């Protein structure tokens, strides 16, 4: 019985470490995406930050979006287009999506922009 519990504990520890590596330890740098967006256009990106600015406007539907928001890592920010409702300003958020070229909405240019994967 004691060996079985030890094996279970080891398996849980390994799973937790793997989850940390693949989720927490694998974020893409907002700065790197902004500096070289072409390196990120062929694969999904995962970024983490705080919501800095939020736009929710019917015109976003033209692009198939419900909201757009700026995600900041404290030094750099990148715009995210989302089919989900707008997050709250100041909220911490993890975004998985794909990097797209600059787009213009309501007279403002945003780019590069991350198009968030539908949840």
N, C-alpha and C. Protein backbone atom coordinates (compact mmCIF):
# COMPACT_ATOMS: atom_id res chain seq x y z
N UNK A 1 0.83 -1.20 0.00
CA UNK A 1 0.00 0.00 0.00
C UNK A 1 0.87 1.26 0.00
N UNK A 2 1.95 1.25 0.81
CA UNK A 2 2.84 2.40 0.89
C UNK A 2 3.53 2.68 -0.43
N UNK A 3 3.91 1.63 -1.16
CA UNK A 3 4.55 1.78 -2.46
C UNK A 3 3.57 2.37 -3.48
N UNK A 4 2.34 1.92 -3.42
CA UNK A 4 1.29 2.43 -4.34
C UNK A 4 1.09 3.93 -4.14
N UNK A 5 1.04 4.37 -2.91
CA UNK A 5 0.88 5.80 -2.61
C UNK A 5 2.10 6.57 -3.10
N UNK A 6 3.28 6.03 -2.89
CA UNK A 6 4.51 6.70 -3.35
C UNK A 6 4.50 6.85 -4.87
N UNK A 7 4.07 5.82 -5.59
CA UNK A 7 3.99 5.87 -7.04
C UNK A 7 2.98 6.92 -7.48
N UNK A 8 1.86 6.98 -6.82
CA UNK A 8 0.82 7.97 -7.15
C UNK A 8 1.35 9.39 -6.94
N UNK A 9 2.05 9.59 -5.83
CA UNK A 9 2.62 10.91 -5.53
C UNK A 9 3.64 11.30 -6.59
N UNK A 10 4.48 10.37 -7.01
CA UNK A 10 5.49 10.65 -8.03
C UNK A 10 4.82 10.98 -9.37
N UNK A 11 3.80 10.23 -9.74
CA UNK A 11 3.08 10.49 -10.99
C UNK A 11 2.44 11.87 -10.96
N UNK A 12 1.82 12.24 -9.85
CA UNK A 12 1.19 13.57 -9.72
C UNK A 12 2.26 14.65 -9.81
N UNK A 13 3.40 14.45 -9.17
CA UNK A 13 4.48 15.45 -9.22
C UNK A 13 5.00 15.63 -10.63
N UNK A 14 5.16 14.53 -11.35
CA UNK A 14 5.62 14.61 -12.74
C UNK A 14 4.59 15.33 -13.60
N UNK A 15 3.32 15.00 -13.42
CA UNK A 15 2.26 15.66 -14.19
C UNK A 15 2.21 17.15 -13.89
N UNK A 16 2.36 17.52 -12.62
CA UNK A 16 2.35 18.94 -12.25
C UNK A 16 3.54 19.66 -12.87
N UNK A 17 4.71 19.03 -12.86
CA UNK A 17 5.89 19.65 -13.48
C UNK A 17 5.72 19.81 -14.97
N UNK A 18 5.17 18.81 -15.62
CA UNK A 18 4.93 18.90 -17.06
C UNK A 18 3.92 19.99 -17.37
N UNK A 19 2.86 20.08 -16.58
CA UNK A 19 1.85 21.11 -16.79
C UNK A 19 2.47 22.50 -16.64
N UNK A 20 3.31 22.68 -15.62
CA UNK A 20 3.97 23.97 -15.44
C UNK A 20 4.84 24.30 -16.65
N UNK A 21 5.60 23.33 -17.12
CA UNK A 21 6.49 23.56 -18.25
C UNK A 21 5.71 23.93 -19.50
N UNK A 22 4.65 23.19 -19.78
CA UNK A 22 3.90 23.40 -21.02
C UNK A 22 2.92 24.56 -20.93
N UNK A 23 2.55 24.97 -19.74
CA UNK A 23 1.59 26.07 -19.62
C UNK A 23 2.29 27.33 -19.10
N UNK A 24 2.83 27.26 -17.91
CA UNK A 24 3.41 28.44 -17.28
C UNK A 24 4.76 28.82 -17.87
N UNK A 25 5.58 27.85 -18.22
CA UNK A 25 6.94 28.14 -18.64
C UNK A 25 7.12 28.34 -20.13
N UNK A 26 6.06 28.38 -20.89
CA UNK A 26 6.17 28.41 -22.34
C UNK A 26 5.51 29.64 -22.98
N UNK A 27 5.47 30.74 -22.28
CA UNK A 27 4.87 31.94 -22.86
C UNK A 27 5.81 32.57 -23.88
N UNK A 28 5.21 33.09 -24.93
CA UNK A 28 5.97 33.85 -25.92
C UNK A 28 6.11 35.28 -25.41
N UNK A 29 7.22 35.91 -25.72
CA UNK A 29 7.49 37.28 -25.30
C UNK A 29 6.75 38.27 -26.20
N UNK A 30 6.01 39.18 -25.59
CA UNK A 30 5.32 40.22 -26.35
C UNK A 30 6.34 41.05 -27.12
N UNK A 31 7.45 41.38 -26.47
CA UNK A 31 8.50 42.16 -27.13
C UNK A 31 9.02 41.44 -28.37
N UNK A 32 9.28 40.14 -28.26
CA UNK A 32 9.79 39.39 -29.41
C UNK A 32 8.78 39.37 -30.55
N UNK A 33 7.51 39.20 -30.23
CA UNK A 33 6.46 39.20 -31.26
C UNK A 33 6.41 40.54 -31.97
N UNK A 34 6.48 41.63 -31.20
CA UNK A 34 6.43 42.97 -31.79
C UNK A 34 7.65 43.25 -32.67
N UNK A 35 8.82 42.77 -32.25
CA UNK A 35 10.05 43.02 -33.00
C UNK A 35 10.15 42.18 -34.27
N UNK A 36 9.66 40.94 -34.22
CA UNK A 36 9.79 40.04 -35.37
C UNK A 36 8.51 39.24 -35.57
N UNK A 37 7.42 39.90 -35.93
CA UNK A 37 6.14 39.19 -36.05
C UNK A 37 6.17 38.06 -37.07
N UNK A 38 7.00 38.19 -38.10
CA UNK A 38 7.06 37.16 -39.14
C UNK A 38 7.53 35.81 -38.59
N UNK A 39 8.26 35.81 -37.49
CA UNK A 39 8.72 34.55 -36.88
C UNK A 39 7.57 33.80 -36.20
N UNK A 40 6.46 34.48 -35.97
CA UNK A 40 5.37 33.90 -35.19
C UNK A 40 4.11 33.64 -36.00
N UNK A 41 4.12 33.97 -37.28
CA UNK A 41 2.90 33.86 -38.08
C UNK A 41 2.56 32.42 -38.46
N UNK A 42 3.51 31.50 -38.35
CA UNK A 42 3.26 30.13 -38.79
C UNK A 42 2.96 29.17 -37.64
N UNK A 43 2.80 29.70 -36.43
CA UNK A 43 2.53 28.83 -35.29
C UNK A 43 1.69 29.56 -34.25
N UNK A 44 1.01 28.80 -33.40
CA UNK A 44 0.24 29.44 -32.33
C UNK A 44 1.17 30.12 -31.32
N UNK A 45 0.71 31.20 -30.73
CA UNK A 45 1.47 31.87 -29.68
C UNK A 45 0.67 31.82 -28.38
N UNK A 46 1.38 31.92 -27.27
CA UNK A 46 0.76 31.96 -25.95
C UNK A 46 1.41 33.11 -25.21
N UNK A 47 0.62 34.12 -24.87
CA UNK A 47 1.14 35.29 -24.17
C UNK A 47 0.34 35.53 -22.89
N UNK A 48 0.98 36.20 -21.96
CA UNK A 48 0.37 36.47 -20.66
C UNK A 48 0.59 37.93 -20.32
N UNK A 49 -0.42 38.56 -19.74
CA UNK A 49 -0.27 39.95 -19.32
C UNK A 49 -1.54 40.48 -18.68
N UNK A 50 -1.57 41.79 -18.52
CA UNK A 50 -2.74 42.46 -17.97
C UNK A 50 -3.43 43.23 -19.09
N UNK A 51 -4.74 43.23 -19.04
CA UNK A 51 -5.53 43.96 -20.03
C UNK A 51 -5.36 45.45 -19.75
N UNK A 52 -4.84 46.16 -20.75
CA UNK A 52 -4.49 47.58 -20.60
C UNK A 52 -5.57 48.51 -21.15
N UNK A 53 -6.16 48.12 -22.25
CA UNK A 53 -7.16 48.96 -22.92
C UNK A 53 -8.14 48.03 -23.61
N UNK A 54 -9.41 48.40 -23.63
CA UNK A 54 -10.44 47.53 -24.20
C UNK A 54 -11.27 48.31 -25.20
N UNK A 55 -11.55 47.69 -26.34
CA UNK A 55 -12.44 48.28 -27.34
C UNK A 55 -13.53 47.26 -27.64
N UNK A 56 -14.75 47.71 -27.51
CA UNK A 56 -15.90 46.88 -27.87
C UNK A 56 -16.80 47.76 -28.72
N UNK A 57 -16.87 47.47 -30.01
CA UNK A 57 -17.59 48.33 -30.94
C UNK A 57 -18.20 47.46 -32.03
N UNK A 58 -19.41 47.81 -32.50
CA UNK A 58 -20.05 47.00 -33.56
C UNK A 58 -19.21 46.87 -34.83
N UNK A 59 -18.35 47.85 -35.09
CA UNK A 59 -17.49 47.81 -36.28
C UNK A 59 -16.52 46.62 -36.26
N UNK A 60 -16.21 46.12 -35.08
CA UNK A 60 -15.32 44.97 -34.96
C UNK A 60 -15.90 43.73 -35.63
N UNK A 61 -17.22 43.67 -35.73
CA UNK A 61 -17.88 42.53 -36.37
C UNK A 61 -17.46 42.40 -37.83
N UNK A 62 -17.03 43.50 -38.45
CA UNK A 62 -16.52 43.47 -39.82
C UNK A 62 -15.35 42.49 -39.94
N UNK A 63 -14.60 42.36 -38.87
CA UNK A 63 -13.44 41.46 -38.84
C UNK A 63 -13.79 40.13 -38.16
N UNK A 64 -15.06 39.92 -37.86
CA UNK A 64 -15.48 38.70 -37.19
C UNK A 64 -15.13 38.69 -35.71
N UNK A 65 -14.98 39.88 -35.12
CA UNK A 65 -14.58 40.00 -33.72
C UNK A 65 -15.69 40.59 -32.87
N UNK A 66 -15.65 40.27 -31.58
CA UNK A 66 -16.56 40.89 -30.62
C UNK A 66 -15.87 41.98 -29.82
N UNK A 67 -14.56 41.83 -29.64
CA UNK A 67 -13.80 42.80 -28.85
C UNK A 67 -12.35 42.82 -29.28
N UNK A 68 -11.66 43.86 -28.87
CA UNK A 68 -10.21 43.97 -29.06
C UNK A 68 -9.66 44.57 -27.77
N UNK A 69 -8.49 44.11 -27.37
CA UNK A 69 -7.90 44.65 -26.15
C UNK A 69 -6.39 44.61 -26.25
N UNK A 70 -5.75 45.53 -25.52
CA UNK A 70 -4.29 45.57 -25.46
C UNK A 70 -3.86 44.76 -24.24
N UNK A 71 -2.91 43.86 -24.46
CA UNK A 71 -2.37 43.03 -23.40
C UNK A 71 -0.96 43.52 -23.12
N UNK A 72 -0.67 43.86 -21.86
CA UNK A 72 0.62 44.44 -21.50
C UNK A 72 1.38 43.51 -20.56
N UNK A 73 2.69 43.40 -20.80
CA UNK A 73 3.54 42.63 -19.88
C UNK A 73 4.25 43.55 -18.89
N UNK A 74 3.85 44.81 -18.87
CA UNK A 74 4.47 45.80 -17.99
C UNK A 74 5.39 46.75 -18.74
N UNK A 75 5.96 46.28 -19.83
CA UNK A 75 6.84 47.11 -20.66
C UNK A 75 6.33 47.27 -22.08
N UNK A 76 5.71 46.23 -22.60
CA UNK A 76 5.25 46.22 -24.00
C UNK A 76 3.80 45.81 -24.03
N UNK A 77 3.12 46.25 -25.07
CA UNK A 77 1.73 45.81 -25.21
C UNK A 77 1.45 45.42 -26.65
N UNK A 78 0.55 44.45 -26.78
CA UNK A 78 0.14 43.96 -28.08
C UNK A 78 -1.37 43.88 -28.10
N UNK A 79 -1.95 44.16 -29.26
CA UNK A 79 -3.40 44.11 -29.40
C UNK A 79 -3.86 42.70 -29.69
N UNK A 80 -5.00 42.36 -29.13
CA UNK A 80 -5.60 41.04 -29.30
C UNK A 80 -7.02 41.22 -29.83
N UNK A 81 -7.34 40.52 -30.91
CA UNK A 81 -8.70 40.49 -31.42
C UNK A 81 -9.37 39.23 -30.91
N UNK A 82 -10.61 39.35 -30.43
CA UNK A 82 -11.27 38.20 -29.81
C UNK A 82 -12.71 38.07 -30.28
N UNK A 83 -13.17 36.84 -30.39
CA UNK A 83 -14.57 36.58 -30.69
C UNK A 83 -15.39 36.49 -29.40
N UNK A 84 -14.70 36.55 -28.27
CA UNK A 84 -15.34 36.52 -26.96
C UNK A 84 -15.68 37.94 -26.51
N UNK A 85 -16.47 38.03 -25.46
CA UNK A 85 -16.80 39.35 -24.92
C UNK A 85 -15.54 39.99 -24.34
N UNK A 86 -15.57 41.29 -24.22
CA UNK A 86 -14.40 42.06 -23.79
C UNK A 86 -14.04 41.73 -22.34
N UNK A 87 -12.75 41.54 -22.07
CA UNK A 87 -12.32 41.34 -20.68
C UNK A 87 -12.33 42.68 -19.95
N UNK A 88 -12.18 42.63 -18.65
CA UNK A 88 -12.15 43.86 -17.85
C UNK A 88 -10.74 44.44 -17.86
N UNK A 89 -10.68 45.77 -17.92
CA UNK A 89 -9.39 46.45 -17.86
C UNK A 89 -8.73 46.12 -16.53
N UNK A 90 -7.43 45.79 -16.56
CA UNK A 90 -6.68 45.45 -15.36
C UNK A 90 -6.68 43.96 -15.06
N UNK A 91 -7.50 43.19 -15.76
CA UNK A 91 -7.59 41.74 -15.56
C UNK A 91 -6.33 41.05 -16.09
N UNK A 92 -5.82 40.07 -15.35
CA UNK A 92 -4.72 39.25 -15.85
C UNK A 92 -5.31 38.24 -16.82
N UNK A 93 -4.60 38.01 -17.93
CA UNK A 93 -5.16 37.15 -18.97
C UNK A 93 -4.05 36.41 -19.70
N UNK A 94 -4.34 35.17 -20.05
CA UNK A 94 -3.48 34.36 -20.91
C UNK A 94 -4.21 34.22 -22.23
N UNK A 95 -3.51 34.49 -23.32
CA UNK A 95 -4.13 34.44 -24.65
C UNK A 95 -3.36 33.46 -25.53
N UNK A 96 -4.11 32.58 -26.17
CA UNK A 96 -3.54 31.69 -27.18
C UNK A 96 -4.15 32.10 -28.51
N UNK A 97 -3.31 32.28 -29.52
CA UNK A 97 -3.83 32.70 -30.81
C UNK A 97 -2.76 32.71 -31.88
N UNK A 98 -3.06 33.42 -32.95
CA UNK A 98 -2.13 33.51 -34.06
C UNK A 98 -1.84 34.97 -34.37
N UNK A 99 -0.61 35.25 -34.78
CA UNK A 99 -0.17 36.61 -35.08
C UNK A 99 -0.57 36.97 -36.51
N UNK A 100 -1.18 38.14 -36.65
CA UNK A 100 -1.61 38.64 -37.96
C UNK A 100 -0.97 40.00 -38.20
N UNK A 101 -1.01 40.42 -39.46
CA UNK A 101 -0.47 41.74 -39.84
C UNK A 101 -1.33 42.85 -39.25
N UNK A 102 -0.89 44.04 -39.43
CA UNK A 102 -1.59 45.22 -38.94
C UNK A 102 -2.97 45.35 -39.57
N UNK A 103 -3.96 45.72 -38.76
CA UNK A 103 -5.29 46.03 -39.28
C UNK A 103 -5.69 47.41 -38.80
N UNK A 104 -6.60 48.05 -39.51
CA UNK A 104 -7.10 49.37 -39.13
C UNK A 104 -8.56 49.26 -38.75
N UNK A 105 -8.89 49.80 -37.59
CA UNK A 105 -10.26 49.81 -37.10
C UNK A 105 -10.54 51.20 -36.55
N UNK A 106 -11.63 51.79 -36.99
CA UNK A 106 -12.05 53.10 -36.50
C UNK A 106 -10.93 54.14 -36.59
N UNK A 107 -10.17 54.09 -37.67
CA UNK A 107 -9.13 55.08 -37.89
C UNK A 107 -7.84 54.83 -37.12
N UNK A 108 -7.77 53.73 -36.38
CA UNK A 108 -6.55 53.40 -35.64
C UNK A 108 -5.92 52.16 -36.23
N UNK A 109 -4.61 52.16 -36.30
CA UNK A 109 -3.89 50.98 -36.78
C UNK A 109 -3.46 50.13 -35.59
N UNK A 110 -3.66 48.85 -35.71
CA UNK A 110 -3.29 47.91 -34.67
C UNK A 110 -2.43 46.83 -35.32
N UNK A 111 -1.25 46.65 -34.81
CA UNK A 111 -0.46 45.58 -35.39
C UNK A 111 0.96 45.58 -34.90
N UNK A 112 1.56 44.43 -34.95
CA UNK A 112 0.86 43.18 -35.24
C UNK A 112 -0.20 42.91 -34.19
N UNK A 113 -1.14 42.07 -34.53
CA UNK A 113 -2.25 41.75 -33.63
C UNK A 113 -2.33 40.23 -33.46
N UNK A 114 -2.72 39.81 -32.28
CA UNK A 114 -2.95 38.38 -32.03
C UNK A 114 -4.44 38.14 -32.16
N UNK A 115 -4.80 37.19 -33.01
CA UNK A 115 -6.20 36.78 -33.12
C UNK A 115 -6.39 35.61 -32.17
N UNK A 116 -7.16 35.85 -31.10
CA UNK A 116 -7.36 34.83 -30.08
C UNK A 116 -8.13 33.65 -30.62
N UNK A 117 -7.69 32.46 -30.25
CA UNK A 117 -8.42 31.25 -30.63
C UNK A 117 -9.77 31.23 -29.94
N UNK A 118 -10.79 30.78 -30.65
CA UNK A 118 -12.12 30.65 -30.05
C UNK A 118 -12.07 29.63 -28.93
N UNK A 119 -12.81 29.91 -27.89
CA UNK A 119 -12.82 29.00 -26.74
C UNK A 119 -14.05 28.14 -26.76
